[in-house]
Amino acid sequence: MCLVRSVGREGLTSFHCGIAPARWVIVIKSVGKAIFGGRWLGLFAVALGCVAGAAENQAPRMRVLQFKVTSAGISLIGSTNVVGRCKPQPDAPVGIEYQVRSADSVVLRKATVSNPLVQRTCFEEVPGSGELTTKYVELPEADLVVRVPADAAASSIRFYEHAPAGSRVANSAPRLLAEISLK
């Protein structure tokens, strides 16, 4: 839907394409009879602006999911759809696996992120020694942000915890931490 703002004696002077964002407002001053006559050029520019605006509305979208993670479980804080693509991220060697699933439990996307409740800190035990000591600190709660493609088929997200690699139960099935509806 394009809205013509002003048509003067010399043809179209400005327009705005209603489906396009404000930055697609194109101003044509004194089109006159330069190419194809003033009005044809103006109408061509209107059509071009509308097509460009519609193409931008078809840009890939992703969903940014914000979670609160505690030792008791995981809860959804917020969800936002934004323009952009999800870049492939390397899986964390250990941590929390998430799976985005459809209504019929087909896995649409899965990845592993490091556990946000466990933070690694490095410090000098003796100041000035140059020797770093590493400790892992468990936090009572943390935030987790997950970016997934905005897929209309996505109905839930599941979080799993795997047993550490060196433990006796390393080959056991992952433990389900939470299943959260995305609808």
C-alpha atoms as a PDB file:
ATOM      1  CA  MET A   1       0.000   0.000   0.000  1.00  0.00           C
ATOM      2  CA  CYS A   2       1.675   3.231  -1.122  1.00  0.00           C
ATOM      3  CA  LEU A   3       0.550   6.671  -0.111  1.00  0.00           C
ATOM      4  CA  VAL A   4       1.181   9.603  -2.417  1.00  0.00           C
ATOM      5  CA  ARG A   5       1.952  12.700  -0.368  1.00  0.00           C
ATOM      6  CA  SER A   6       2.031  15.415  -2.930  1.00  0.00           C
ATOM      7  CA  VAL A   7       1.407  15.666  -6.636  1.00  0.00           C
ATOM      8  CA  GLY A   8       2.317  18.975  -8.156  1.00  0.00           C
ATOM      9  CA  ARG A   9       2.137  20.483 -11.604  1.00  0.00           C
ATOM     10  CA  GLU A  10       5.476  18.906 -12.504  1.00  0.00           C
ATOM     11  CA  GLY A  11       4.534  15.435 -11.329  1.00  0.00           C
ATOM     12  CA  LEU A  12       5.035  13.432  -8.192  1.00  0.00           C
ATOM     13  CA  THR A  13       7.200  15.232  -5.649  1.00  0.00           C
ATOM     14  CA  SER A  14       7.193  12.838  -2.670  1.00  0.00           C
ATOM     15  CA  PHE A  15       5.675   9.573  -1.541  1.00  0.00           C
ATOM     16  CA  HIS A  16       5.847   7.035   1.236  1.00  0.00           C
ATOM     17  CA  CYS A  17       5.353   3.333   0.864  1.00  0.00           C
ATOM     18  CA  GLY A  18       3.056   2.272   3.718  1.00  0.00           C
ATOM     19  CA  ILE A  19       4.509  -1.231   4.100  1.00  0.00           C
ATOM     20  CA  ALA A  20       8.079   0.031   4.170  1.00  0.00           C
ATOM     21  CA  PRO A  21       9.838   1.563   7.160  1.00  0.00           C
ATOM     22  CA  ALA A  22      10.288   5.319   7.394  1.00  0.00           C
ATOM     23  CA  ARG A  23      13.824   5.195   5.973  1.00  0.00           C
ATOM     24  CA  TRP A  24      12.352   4.170   2.615  1.00  0.00           C
ATOM     25  CA  VAL A  25      10.641   7.515   2.217  1.00  0.00           C
ATOM     26  CA  ILE A  26      11.913   8.760  -1.098  1.00  0.00           C
ATOM     27  CA  VAL A  27      11.647  12.375  -2.075  1.00  0.00           C
ATOM     28  CA  ILE A  28      11.665  13.214  -5.742  1.00  0.00           C
ATOM     29  CA  LYS A  29      11.932  16.906  -6.438  1.00  0.00           C
ATOM     30  CA  SER A  30      11.150  18.468  -9.756  1.00  0.00           C
ATOM     31  CA  VAL A  31      10.947  15.274 -11.719  1.00  0.00           C
ATOM     32  CA  GLY A  32       9.742  17.260 -14.676  1.00  0.00           C
ATOM     33  CA  LYS A  33      10.053  15.591 -18.009  1.00  0.00           C
ATOM     34  CA  ALA A  34      13.530  14.107 -17.541  1.00  0.00           C
ATOM     35  CA  ILE A  35      12.942  10.436 -18.264  1.00  0.00           C
ATOM     36  CA  PHE A  36       9.660   8.935 -19.523  1.00  0.00           C
ATOM     37  CA  GLY A  37       7.899  12.129 -18.525  1.00  0.00           C
ATOM     38  CA  GLY A  38       7.592  13.274 -14.929  1.00  0.00           C
ATOM     39  CA  ARG A  39       4.679  11.165 -13.753  1.00  0.00           C
ATOM     40  CA  TRP A  40       5.921   7.871 -15.164  1.00  0.00           C
ATOM     41  CA  LEU A  41       9.232   8.222 -13.385  1.00  0.00           C
ATOM     42  CA  GLY A  42       7.420   9.092 -10.180  1.00  0.00           C
ATOM     43  CA  LEU A  43       5.142   6.058 -10.450  1.00  0.00           C
ATOM     44  CA  PHE A  44       8.151   3.845 -11.225  1.00  0.00           C
ATOM     45  CA  ALA A  45       9.901   5.158  -8.097  1.00  0.00           C
ATOM     46  CA  VAL A  46       6.761   4.491  -6.011  1.00  0.00           C
ATOM     47  CA  ALA A  47       6.617   0.888  -7.241  1.00  0.00           C
ATOM     48  CA  LEU A  48      10.353   0.402  -6.644  1.00  0.00           C
ATOM     49  CA  GLY A  49      10.074   1.753  -3.098  1.00  0.00           C
ATOM     50  CA  CYS A  50       7.151  -0.562  -2.298  1.00  0.00           C
ATOM     51  CA  VAL A  51       8.976  -3.625  -3.638  1.00  0.00           C
ATOM     52  CA  ALA A  52      12.097  -2.741  -1.632  1.00  0.00           C
ATOM     53  CA  GLY A  53      10.039  -2.222   1.513  1.00  0.00           C
ATOM     54  CA  ALA A  54       8.227  -5.514   1.048  1.00  0.00           C
ATOM     55  CA  ALA A  55      11.572  -7.295   0.594  1.00  0.00           C
ATOM     56  CA  GLU A  56      12.801  -5.881   3.891  1.00  0.00           C
ATOM     57  CA  ASN A  57       9.653  -7.132   5.637  1.00  0.00           C
ATOM     58  CA  GLN A  58      10.548 -10.634   4.353  1.00  0.00           C
ATOM     59  CA  ALA A  59      14.034 -10.518   5.945  1.00  0.00           C
ATOM     60  CA  PRO A  60      15.000 -13.528   8.068  1.00  0.00           C
ATOM     61  CA  ARG A  61      13.924 -13.246  11.687  1.00  0.00           C
ATOM     62  CA  MET A  62      15.189 -14.811  14.861  1.00  0.00           C
ATOM     63  CA  ARG A  63      13.750 -15.218  18.303  1.00  0.00           C
ATOM     64  CA  VAL A  64      15.748 -14.114  21.340  1.00  0.00           C
ATOM     65  CA  LEU A  65      14.706 -16.120  24.409  1.00  0.00           C
ATOM     66  CA  GLN A  66      15.745 -14.950  27.900  1.00  0.00           C
ATOM     67  CA  PHE A  67      15.757 -17.477  30.739  1.00  0.00           C
ATOM     68  CA  LYS A  68      16.417 -17.401  34.482  1.00  0.00           C
ATOM     69  CA  VAL A  69      18.430 -20.452  35.537  1.00  0.00           C
ATOM     70  CA  THR A  70      18.486 -21.619  39.174  1.00  0.00           C
ATOM     71  CA  SER A  71      19.388 -24.888  40.843  1.00  0.00           C
ATOM     72  CA  ALA A  72      15.624 -25.566  41.046  1.00  0.00           C
ATOM     73  CA  GLY A  73      15.004 -25.165  37.306  1.00  0.00           C
ATOM     74  CA  ILE A  74      14.765 -22.894  34.285  1.00  0.00           C
ATOM     75  CA  SER A  75      12.037 -20.327  33.605  1.00  0.00           C
ATOM     76  CA  LEU A  76      11.310 -18.092  30.620  1.00  0.00           C
ATOM     77  CA  ILE A  77      11.663 -14.365  31.369  1.00  0.00           C
ATOM     78  CA  GLY A  78      10.992 -12.940  27.918  1.00  0.00           C
ATOM     79  CA  SER A  79      10.869 -13.576  24.196  1.00  0.00           C
ATOM     80  CA  THR A  80      11.513 -11.086  21.392  1.00  0.00           C
ATOM     81  CA  ASN A  81      11.425 -11.459  17.608  1.00  0.00           C
ATOM     82  CA  VAL A  82      14.109  -9.458  15.809  1.00  0.00           C
ATOM     83  CA  VAL A  83      15.431  -9.178  12.249  1.00  0.00           C
ATOM     84  CA  GLY A  84      18.579 -11.213  11.740  1.00  0.00           C
ATOM     85  CA  ARG A  85      20.090 -14.634  11.192  1.00  0.00           C
ATOM     86  CA  CYS A  86      21.282 -17.077  13.814  1.00  0.00           C
ATOM     87  CA  LYS A  87      24.988 -17.581  13.302  1.00  0.00           C
ATOM     88  CA  PRO A  88      26.268 -21.096  13.865  1.00  0.00           C
ATOM     89  CA  GLN A  89      27.874 -21.394  17.304  1.00  0.00           C
ATOM     90  CA  PRO A  90      30.242 -24.128  18.383  1.00  0.00           C
ATOM     91  CA  ASP A  91      28.751 -26.478  20.938  1.00  0.00           C
ATOM     92  CA  ALA A  92      30.144 -26.295  24.452  1.00  0.00           C
ATOM     93  CA  PRO A  93      31.943 -29.533  25.404  1.00  0.00           C
ATOM     94  CA  VAL A  94      29.867 -29.837  28.598  1.00  0.00           C
ATOM     95  CA  GLY A  95      26.864 -27.928  29.798  1.00  0.00           C
ATOM     96  CA  ILE A  96      23.181 -27.667  29.063  1.00  0.00           C
ATOM     97  CA  GLU A  97      21.723 -28.969  25.820  1.00  0.00           C
ATOM     98  CA  TYR A  98      18.612 -27.277  24.463  1.00  0.00           C
ATOM     99  CA  GLN A  99      16.261 -28.615  21.807  1.00  0.00           C
ATOM    100  CA  VAL A 100      13.623 -26.534  20.040  1.00  0.00           C
ATOM    101  CA  ARG A 101      10.745 -28.876  19.183  1.00  0.00           C
ATOM    102  CA  SER A 102       7.591 -28.766  17.101  1.00  0.00           C
ATOM    103  CA  ALA A 103       4.149 -29.762  18.412  1.00  0.00           C
ATOM    104  CA  ASP A 104       4.724 -33.351  17.266  1.00  0.00           C
ATOM    105  CA  SER A 105       8.144 -33.508  19.067  1.00  0.00           C
ATOM    106  CA  VAL A 106      10.336 -33.178  15.976  1.00  0.00           C
ATOM    107  CA  VAL A 107      13.642 -31.513  16.920  1.00  0.00           C
ATOM    108  CA  LEU A 108      13.958 -28.317  14.847  1.00  0.00           C
ATOM    109  CA  ARG A 109      17.221 -27.087  16.367  1.00  0.00           C
ATOM    110  CA  LYS A 110      19.576 -28.210  19.097  1.00  0.00           C
ATOM    111  CA  ALA A 111      22.807 -26.978  20.613  1.00  0.00           C
ATOM    112  CA  THR A 112      24.824 -27.148  23.815  1.00  0.00           C
ATOM    113  CA  VAL A 113      25.676 -24.071  25.888  1.00  0.00           C
ATOM    114  CA  SER A 114      27.938 -23.894  28.899  1.00  0.00           C
ATOM    115  CA  ASN A 115      26.159 -24.035  32.249  1.00  0.00           C
ATOM    116  CA  PRO A 116      25.565 -20.412  33.325  1.00  0.00           C
ATOM    117  CA  LEU A 117      25.481 -21.461  37.009  1.00  0.00           C
ATOM    118  CA  VAL A 118      29.148 -22.473  36.906  1.00  0.00           C
ATOM    119  CA  GLN A 119      31.694 -19.704  36.363  1.00  0.00           C
ATOM    120  CA  ARG A 120      35.422 -20.162  35.962  1.00  0.00           C
ATOM    121  CA  THR A 121      37.608 -17.550  37.657  1.00  0.00           C
ATOM    122  CA  CYS A 122      41.377 -17.139  37.472  1.00  0.00           C
ATOM    123  CA  PHE A 123      43.406 -15.158  39.987  1.00  0.00           C
ATOM    124  CA  GLU A 124      46.888 -14.868  41.509  1.00  0.00           C
ATOM    125  CA  GLU A 125      46.912 -16.659  44.842  1.00  0.00           C
ATOM    126  CA  VAL A 126      50.062 -14.777  45.839  1.00  0.00           C
ATOM    127  CA  PRO A 127      49.953 -11.230  44.416  1.00  0.00           C
ATOM    128  CA  GLY A 128      52.840 -10.584  42.026  1.00  0.00           C
ATOM    129  CA  SER A 129      53.791 -14.268  41.677  1.00  0.00           C
ATOM    130  CA  GLY A 130      52.530 -14.584  38.112  1.00  0.00           C
ATOM    131  CA  GLU A 131      50.995 -17.992  38.875  1.00  0.00           C
ATOM    132  CA  LEU A 132      47.307 -18.176  38.178  1.00  0.00           C
ATOM    133  CA  THR A 133      44.941 -20.341  40.159  1.00  0.00           C
ATOM    134  CA  THR A 134      41.663 -21.463  38.612  1.00  0.00           C
ATOM    135  CA  LYS A 135      38.510 -22.039  40.608  1.00  0.00           C
ATOM    136  CA  TYR A 136      34.988 -22.861  39.586  1.00  0.00           C
ATOM    137  CA  VAL A 137      32.268 -20.957  41.407  1.00  0.00           C
ATOM    138  CA  GLU A 138      28.638 -22.089  41.501  1.00  0.00           C
ATOM    139  CA  LEU A 139      26.142 -19.241  41.367  1.00  0.00           C
ATOM    140  CA  PRO A 140      22.664 -19.436  42.951  1.00  0.00           C
ATOM    141  CA  GLU A 141      21.045 -18.036  39.782  1.00  0.00           C
ATOM    142  CA  ALA A 142      22.056 -16.756  36.366  1.00  0.00           C
ATOM    143  CA  ASP A 143      20.568 -15.478  33.116  1.00  0.00           C
ATOM    144  CA  LEU A 144      20.741 -17.413  29.865  1.00  0.00           C
ATOM    145  CA  VAL A 145      20.031 -15.982  26.403  1.00  0.00           C
ATOM    146  CA  VAL A 146      19.292 -18.335  23.500  1.00  0.00           C
ATOM    147  CA  ARG A 147      18.844 -17.202  19.889  1.00  0.00           C
ATOM    148  CA  VAL A 148      16.840 -19.454  17.577  1.00  0.00           C
ATOM    149  CA  PRO A 149      15.264 -18.933  14.142  1.00  0.00           C
ATOM    150  CA  ALA A 150      11.713 -17.566  14.386  1.00  0.00           C
ATOM    151  CA  ASP A 151       9.982 -20.728  13.207  1.00  0.00           C
ATOM    152  CA  ALA A 152       6.200 -20.863  13.364  1.00  0.00           C
ATOM    153  CA  ALA A 153       6.388 -24.628  13.931  1.00  0.00           C
ATOM    154  CA  ALA A 154       8.414 -24.245  17.153  1.00  0.00           C
ATOM    155  CA  SER A 155       6.158 -25.011  20.098  1.00  0.00           C
ATOM    156  CA  SER A 156       8.526 -25.828  22.982  1.00  0.00           C
ATOM    157  CA  ILE A 157      12.111 -25.833  24.131  1.00  0.00           C
ATOM    158  CA  ARG A 158      13.634 -28.582  26.271  1.00  0.00           C
ATOM    159  CA  PHE A 159      16.755 -28.291  28.397  1.00  0.00           C
ATOM    160  CA  TYR A 160      18.856 -31.362  29.245  1.00  0.00           C
ATOM    161  CA  GLU A 161      21.853 -31.871  31.508  1.00  0.00           C
ATOM    162  CA  HIS A 162      24.426 -34.501  30.569  1.00  0.00           C
ATOM    163  CA  ALA A 163      26.564 -36.342  33.111  1.00  0.00           C
ATOM    164  CA  PRO A 164      30.243 -35.257  33.169  1.00  0.00           C
ATOM    165  CA  ALA A 165      32.537 -37.228  30.852  1.00  0.00           C
ATOM    166  CA  GLY A 166      34.641 -38.858  33.596  1.00  0.00           C
ATOM    167  CA  SER A 167      31.770 -40.011  35.819  1.00  0.00           C
ATOM    168  CA  ARG A 168      30.368 -43.526  36.220  1.00  0.00           C
ATOM    169  CA  VAL A 169      27.086 -42.504  34.576  1.00  0.00           C
ATOM    170  CA  ALA A 170      28.663 -40.698  31.616  1.00  0.00           C
ATOM    171  CA  ASN A 171      26.862 -42.877  29.060  1.00  0.00           C
ATOM    172  CA  SER A 172      23.465 -42.596  30.739  1.00  0.00           C
ATOM    173  CA  ALA A 173      20.542 -40.726  29.234  1.00  0.00           C
ATOM    174  CA  PRO A 174      20.551 -36.947  29.751  1.00  0.00           C
ATOM    175  CA  ARG A 175      18.408 -35.566  32.566  1.00  0.00           C
ATOM    176  CA  LEU A 176      15.497 -33.317  31.540  1.00  0.00           C
ATOM    177  CA  LEU A 177      15.796 -29.986  33.384  1.00  0.00           C
ATOM    178  CA  ALA A 178      12.786 -28.168  31.921  1.00  0.00           C
ATOM    179  CA  GLU A 179      10.324 -28.069  29.056  1.00  0.00           C
ATOM    180  CA  ILE A 180       8.946 -24.616  28.300  1.00  0.00           C
ATOM    181  CA  SER A 181       6.150 -23.752  25.864  1.00  0.00           C
ATOM    182  CA  LEU A 182       6.996 -21.130  23.239  1.00  0.00           C
ATOM    183  CA  LYS A 183       3.426 -20.480  22.104  1.00  0.00           C
END
